[in-house]
N, C-alpha and C. Protein backbone atom coordinates (compact mmCIF):
# COMPACT_ATOMS: atom_id res chain seq x y z
N MET A 1 -55.42 53.55 -0.37
CA MET A 1 -56.48 53.91 0.54
C MET A 1 -56.10 55.22 1.21
N ASN A 2 -56.98 56.22 1.11
CA ASN A 2 -56.64 57.49 1.74
C ASN A 2 -57.02 57.48 3.22
N ASN A 3 -56.58 58.50 3.94
CA ASN A 3 -56.78 58.54 5.38
C ASN A 3 -58.25 58.52 5.78
N ILE A 4 -59.08 59.28 5.07
CA ILE A 4 -60.50 59.36 5.41
C ILE A 4 -61.16 58.01 5.20
N HIS A 5 -60.85 57.33 4.11
CA HIS A 5 -61.43 56.01 3.86
C HIS A 5 -61.00 55.03 4.94
N THR A 6 -59.76 55.08 5.36
CA THR A 6 -59.25 54.19 6.40
C THR A 6 -60.00 54.42 7.71
N VAL A 7 -60.16 55.67 8.09
CA VAL A 7 -60.88 55.99 9.33
C VAL A 7 -62.31 55.49 9.24
N SER A 8 -62.94 55.71 8.12
CA SER A 8 -64.32 55.26 7.93
C SER A 8 -64.43 53.75 8.03
N THR A 9 -63.52 53.04 7.38
CA THR A 9 -63.57 51.58 7.33
C THR A 9 -63.22 50.94 8.67
N LEU A 10 -62.20 51.41 9.33
CA LEU A 10 -61.72 50.76 10.55
C LEU A 10 -62.31 51.31 11.85
N VAL A 11 -62.72 52.57 11.83
CA VAL A 11 -63.21 53.18 13.06
C VAL A 11 -64.73 53.33 13.07
N ALA A 12 -65.28 53.90 12.03
CA ALA A 12 -66.71 54.22 12.03
C ALA A 12 -67.59 53.04 11.65
N LYS A 13 -67.24 52.31 10.60
CA LYS A 13 -68.11 51.27 10.07
C LYS A 13 -67.68 49.85 10.43
N GLY A 14 -66.40 49.58 10.39
CA GLY A 14 -65.90 48.22 10.56
C GLY A 14 -65.86 47.76 11.99
N PRO A 15 -64.69 47.31 12.44
CA PRO A 15 -64.57 46.77 13.80
C PRO A 15 -64.60 47.84 14.89
N LYS A 16 -64.76 49.10 14.48
CA LYS A 16 -64.84 50.23 15.42
C LYS A 16 -63.64 50.28 16.37
N LEU A 17 -62.48 50.20 15.75
CA LEU A 17 -61.24 50.25 16.53
C LEU A 17 -61.09 51.62 17.18
N PRO A 18 -60.73 51.67 18.44
CA PRO A 18 -60.55 52.97 19.09
C PRO A 18 -59.29 53.66 18.58
N VAL A 19 -59.36 54.95 18.39
CA VAL A 19 -58.21 55.73 17.96
C VAL A 19 -57.45 56.17 19.20
N LYS A 20 -56.21 55.73 19.32
CA LYS A 20 -55.38 56.09 20.47
C LYS A 20 -54.64 57.40 20.25
N VAL A 21 -54.12 57.58 19.03
CA VAL A 21 -53.37 58.79 18.69
C VAL A 21 -53.70 59.16 17.25
N TRP A 22 -54.15 60.37 17.04
CA TRP A 22 -54.41 60.85 15.68
C TRP A 22 -53.12 61.45 15.13
N LEU A 23 -52.70 60.99 13.96
CA LEU A 23 -51.50 61.53 13.31
C LEU A 23 -51.87 62.34 12.08
N ILE A 24 -53.15 62.68 12.00
CA ILE A 24 -53.64 63.54 10.92
C ILE A 24 -54.52 64.62 11.53
N HIS A 25 -54.61 65.73 10.81
CA HIS A 25 -55.54 66.79 11.20
C HIS A 25 -56.95 66.39 10.78
N GLU A 26 -57.94 67.13 11.21
CA GLU A 26 -59.32 66.83 10.86
C GLU A 26 -59.56 66.84 9.35
N ASP A 27 -58.75 67.61 8.62
CA ASP A 27 -58.90 67.67 7.15
C ASP A 27 -58.12 66.55 6.47
N SER A 28 -57.61 65.60 7.23
CA SER A 28 -56.86 64.41 6.81
C SER A 28 -55.43 64.70 6.37
N LYS A 29 -54.93 65.90 6.57
CA LYS A 29 -53.53 66.20 6.26
C LYS A 29 -52.65 65.73 7.41
N SER A 30 -51.46 65.30 7.07
CA SER A 30 -50.52 64.76 8.05
C SER A 30 -50.09 65.80 9.07
N LEU A 31 -49.83 65.37 10.29
CA LEU A 31 -49.26 66.25 11.31
C LEU A 31 -47.77 66.46 11.09
N PHE A 32 -47.19 65.71 10.19
CA PHE A 32 -45.76 65.80 9.91
C PHE A 32 -45.57 66.57 8.61
N ASP A 33 -44.94 67.74 8.71
CA ASP A 33 -44.77 68.58 7.52
C ASP A 33 -43.31 68.79 7.13
N GLY A 34 -42.38 68.18 7.87
CA GLY A 34 -40.97 68.33 7.53
C GLY A 34 -40.39 69.68 7.92
N LYS A 35 -41.08 70.41 8.81
CA LYS A 35 -40.62 71.75 9.22
C LYS A 35 -40.67 71.88 10.73
N GLY A 36 -39.85 72.76 11.27
CA GLY A 36 -39.88 73.05 12.71
C GLY A 36 -39.62 71.84 13.57
N ASP A 37 -40.35 71.76 14.68
CA ASP A 37 -40.23 70.61 15.58
C ASP A 37 -41.12 69.48 15.07
N ILE A 38 -40.69 68.26 15.30
CA ILE A 38 -41.51 67.11 14.96
C ILE A 38 -42.69 67.09 15.91
N PHE A 39 -43.88 66.91 15.38
CA PHE A 39 -45.12 66.91 16.14
C PHE A 39 -44.98 66.17 17.47
N GLY A 40 -45.41 66.83 18.55
CA GLY A 40 -45.45 66.19 19.86
C GLY A 40 -44.11 65.95 20.52
N THR A 41 -43.03 66.50 19.95
CA THR A 41 -41.70 66.32 20.53
C THR A 41 -40.97 67.65 20.54
N SER A 42 -39.82 67.68 21.16
CA SER A 42 -38.96 68.88 21.10
C SER A 42 -37.83 68.66 20.10
N ARG A 43 -37.92 67.59 19.34
CA ARG A 43 -36.90 67.25 18.35
C ARG A 43 -37.16 68.00 17.05
N LYS A 44 -36.11 68.58 16.49
CA LYS A 44 -36.23 69.31 15.22
C LYS A 44 -36.48 68.34 14.07
N SER A 45 -37.29 68.77 13.13
CA SER A 45 -37.55 67.97 11.93
C SER A 45 -36.26 67.80 11.15
N ILE A 46 -36.13 66.66 10.51
CA ILE A 46 -34.96 66.46 9.65
C ILE A 46 -35.28 66.94 8.24
N GLY A 47 -36.46 67.54 8.07
CA GLY A 47 -36.86 68.07 6.77
C GLY A 47 -37.51 67.03 5.88
N SER A 48 -37.93 65.93 6.44
CA SER A 48 -38.51 64.85 5.65
C SER A 48 -39.90 64.48 6.18
N VAL A 49 -40.90 64.71 5.35
CA VAL A 49 -42.27 64.31 5.70
C VAL A 49 -42.35 62.80 5.87
N LYS A 50 -41.53 62.09 5.13
CA LYS A 50 -41.54 60.63 5.17
C LYS A 50 -40.83 60.09 6.42
N ASN A 51 -39.74 60.68 6.84
CA ASN A 51 -38.94 60.14 7.94
C ASN A 51 -39.27 60.71 9.32
N ASP A 52 -39.84 61.89 9.37
CA ASP A 52 -40.16 62.48 10.67
C ASP A 52 -41.07 61.59 11.52
N PRO A 53 -42.06 60.90 10.95
CA PRO A 53 -42.88 60.01 11.79
C PRO A 53 -42.06 58.91 12.47
N TYR A 54 -41.02 58.43 11.84
CA TYR A 54 -40.16 57.42 12.46
C TYR A 54 -39.46 58.01 13.69
N PHE A 55 -38.99 59.24 13.56
CA PHE A 55 -38.33 59.89 14.70
C PHE A 55 -39.35 60.19 15.80
N TRP A 56 -40.58 60.53 15.43
CA TRP A 56 -41.66 60.73 16.40
C TRP A 56 -41.86 59.43 17.19
N PHE A 57 -41.93 58.31 16.48
CA PHE A 57 -42.12 57.02 17.13
C PHE A 57 -40.98 56.69 18.09
N ILE A 58 -39.76 56.96 17.67
CA ILE A 58 -38.60 56.71 18.52
C ILE A 58 -38.70 57.53 19.81
N GLU A 59 -39.02 58.82 19.66
CA GLU A 59 -39.12 59.70 20.83
C GLU A 59 -40.26 59.30 21.75
N LYS A 60 -41.43 59.02 21.19
CA LYS A 60 -42.63 58.78 21.99
C LYS A 60 -42.73 57.36 22.54
N TYR A 61 -42.22 56.38 21.82
CA TYR A 61 -42.43 55.00 22.23
C TYR A 61 -41.14 54.23 22.56
N MET A 62 -40.13 54.36 21.74
CA MET A 62 -38.90 53.60 21.99
C MET A 62 -38.13 54.16 23.19
N LYS A 63 -37.93 55.46 23.22
CA LYS A 63 -37.16 56.06 24.31
C LYS A 63 -37.88 56.04 25.65
N THR A 64 -39.18 55.82 25.63
CA THR A 64 -39.95 55.79 26.88
C THR A 64 -40.31 54.36 27.27
N ASN A 65 -39.71 53.39 26.59
CA ASN A 65 -39.94 51.97 26.87
C ASN A 65 -41.40 51.55 26.77
N GLN A 66 -42.14 52.20 25.88
CA GLN A 66 -43.53 51.82 25.64
C GLN A 66 -43.65 50.85 24.47
N CYS A 67 -42.52 50.52 23.89
CA CYS A 67 -42.50 49.59 22.77
C CYS A 67 -41.30 48.67 22.95
N ASN A 68 -41.51 47.40 22.77
CA ASN A 68 -40.45 46.43 22.92
C ASN A 68 -39.68 46.34 21.60
N GLY A 69 -38.46 46.80 21.59
CA GLY A 69 -37.64 46.77 20.40
C GLY A 69 -37.12 45.38 20.03
N GLU A 70 -37.38 44.40 20.88
CA GLU A 70 -36.93 43.04 20.60
C GLU A 70 -37.72 42.43 19.45
N PHE A 71 -38.96 42.82 19.32
CA PHE A 71 -39.82 42.27 18.27
C PHE A 71 -40.08 43.35 17.24
N ARG A 72 -39.62 43.12 16.04
CA ARG A 72 -39.79 44.12 14.99
C ARG A 72 -39.78 43.45 13.64
N ALA A 73 -40.17 44.20 12.67
CA ALA A 73 -40.16 43.72 11.29
C ALA A 73 -39.88 44.90 10.38
N TYR A 74 -39.36 44.63 9.23
CA TYR A 74 -39.09 45.68 8.26
C TYR A 74 -40.06 45.53 7.10
N TYR A 75 -40.78 46.56 6.85
CA TYR A 75 -41.70 46.57 5.72
C TYR A 75 -41.51 47.85 4.94
N ILE A 76 -41.59 47.73 3.64
CA ILE A 76 -41.46 48.92 2.81
C ILE A 76 -42.67 49.81 3.01
N ASP A 77 -42.52 51.08 2.70
CA ASP A 77 -43.63 52.01 2.82
C ASP A 77 -44.47 51.99 1.54
N GLN A 78 -45.30 52.95 1.38
CA GLN A 78 -46.22 52.97 0.24
C GLN A 78 -45.57 53.43 -1.07
N LYS A 79 -44.29 53.68 -1.07
CA LYS A 79 -43.58 54.11 -2.29
C LYS A 79 -43.77 53.10 -3.42
N TRP A 80 -43.91 51.80 -3.10
CA TRP A 80 -44.06 50.76 -4.11
C TRP A 80 -45.30 51.01 -4.97
N ARG A 81 -46.26 51.75 -4.47
CA ARG A 81 -47.50 51.99 -5.21
C ARG A 81 -47.27 52.86 -6.45
N GLU A 82 -46.16 53.60 -6.47
CA GLU A 82 -45.86 54.44 -7.63
C GLU A 82 -45.55 53.61 -8.87
N ASN A 83 -45.00 52.41 -8.66
CA ASN A 83 -44.67 51.53 -9.78
C ASN A 83 -44.83 50.08 -9.32
N PRO A 84 -46.08 49.64 -9.08
CA PRO A 84 -46.31 48.32 -8.48
C PRO A 84 -45.87 47.14 -9.34
N LYS A 85 -45.68 47.33 -10.62
CA LYS A 85 -45.28 46.22 -11.49
C LYS A 85 -43.77 46.14 -11.69
N ALA A 86 -43.03 46.92 -10.89
CA ALA A 86 -41.58 46.93 -11.02
C ALA A 86 -40.94 45.65 -10.48
N THR A 87 -41.69 44.88 -9.72
CA THR A 87 -41.16 43.65 -9.13
C THR A 87 -42.28 42.62 -9.03
N GLU A 88 -42.02 41.53 -8.36
CA GLU A 88 -43.03 40.49 -8.19
C GLU A 88 -44.20 41.00 -7.34
N VAL A 89 -45.35 40.46 -7.57
CA VAL A 89 -46.56 40.91 -6.88
C VAL A 89 -46.43 40.84 -5.36
N ASN A 90 -45.85 39.79 -4.83
CA ASN A 90 -45.78 39.64 -3.37
C ASN A 90 -44.65 40.42 -2.72
N HIS A 91 -43.87 41.15 -3.47
CA HIS A 91 -42.73 41.88 -2.89
C HIS A 91 -43.14 43.14 -2.15
N HIS A 92 -44.42 43.48 -2.16
CA HIS A 92 -44.87 44.64 -1.37
C HIS A 92 -44.94 44.27 0.11
N THR A 93 -44.86 43.02 0.45
CA THR A 93 -44.81 42.47 1.81
C THR A 93 -46.10 42.65 2.61
N LEU A 94 -47.17 43.12 1.98
CA LEU A 94 -48.42 43.31 2.70
C LEU A 94 -48.97 42.01 3.25
N THR A 95 -48.78 40.93 2.54
CA THR A 95 -49.32 39.64 3.00
C THR A 95 -48.62 39.17 4.27
N ASN A 96 -47.43 39.63 4.53
CA ASN A 96 -46.72 39.23 5.74
C ASN A 96 -47.30 39.85 7.01
N LEU A 97 -48.06 40.91 6.87
CA LEU A 97 -48.59 41.60 8.04
C LEU A 97 -49.53 40.71 8.86
N ASP A 98 -50.23 39.80 8.21
CA ASP A 98 -51.09 38.89 8.96
C ASP A 98 -50.25 38.02 9.89
N PHE A 99 -49.09 37.60 9.44
CA PHE A 99 -48.20 36.79 10.26
C PHE A 99 -47.65 37.61 11.41
N LEU A 100 -47.19 38.82 11.11
CA LEU A 100 -46.59 39.67 12.12
C LEU A 100 -47.58 39.99 13.20
């Protein structure tokens, strides 16, 4: 599911969830480019488009006590989509999100 489809489904047409923080530009490109400072922080990028959002989250939410680190879960990212048949169907852990 691309960013535009997600916004359309969850914000415009579906349950009309309010957007608290946009992490994409209007053209649906990520705010994280792996260069310079990590978006919205004074922290330098580690050069990873994939990992910079995690550091953004740490700076914006964990270090400011806006997120309780006591409750957490580990889920793989979308990398599994490159070869979804490499393992069992349920190993993408998406079904666990309802529980979490």
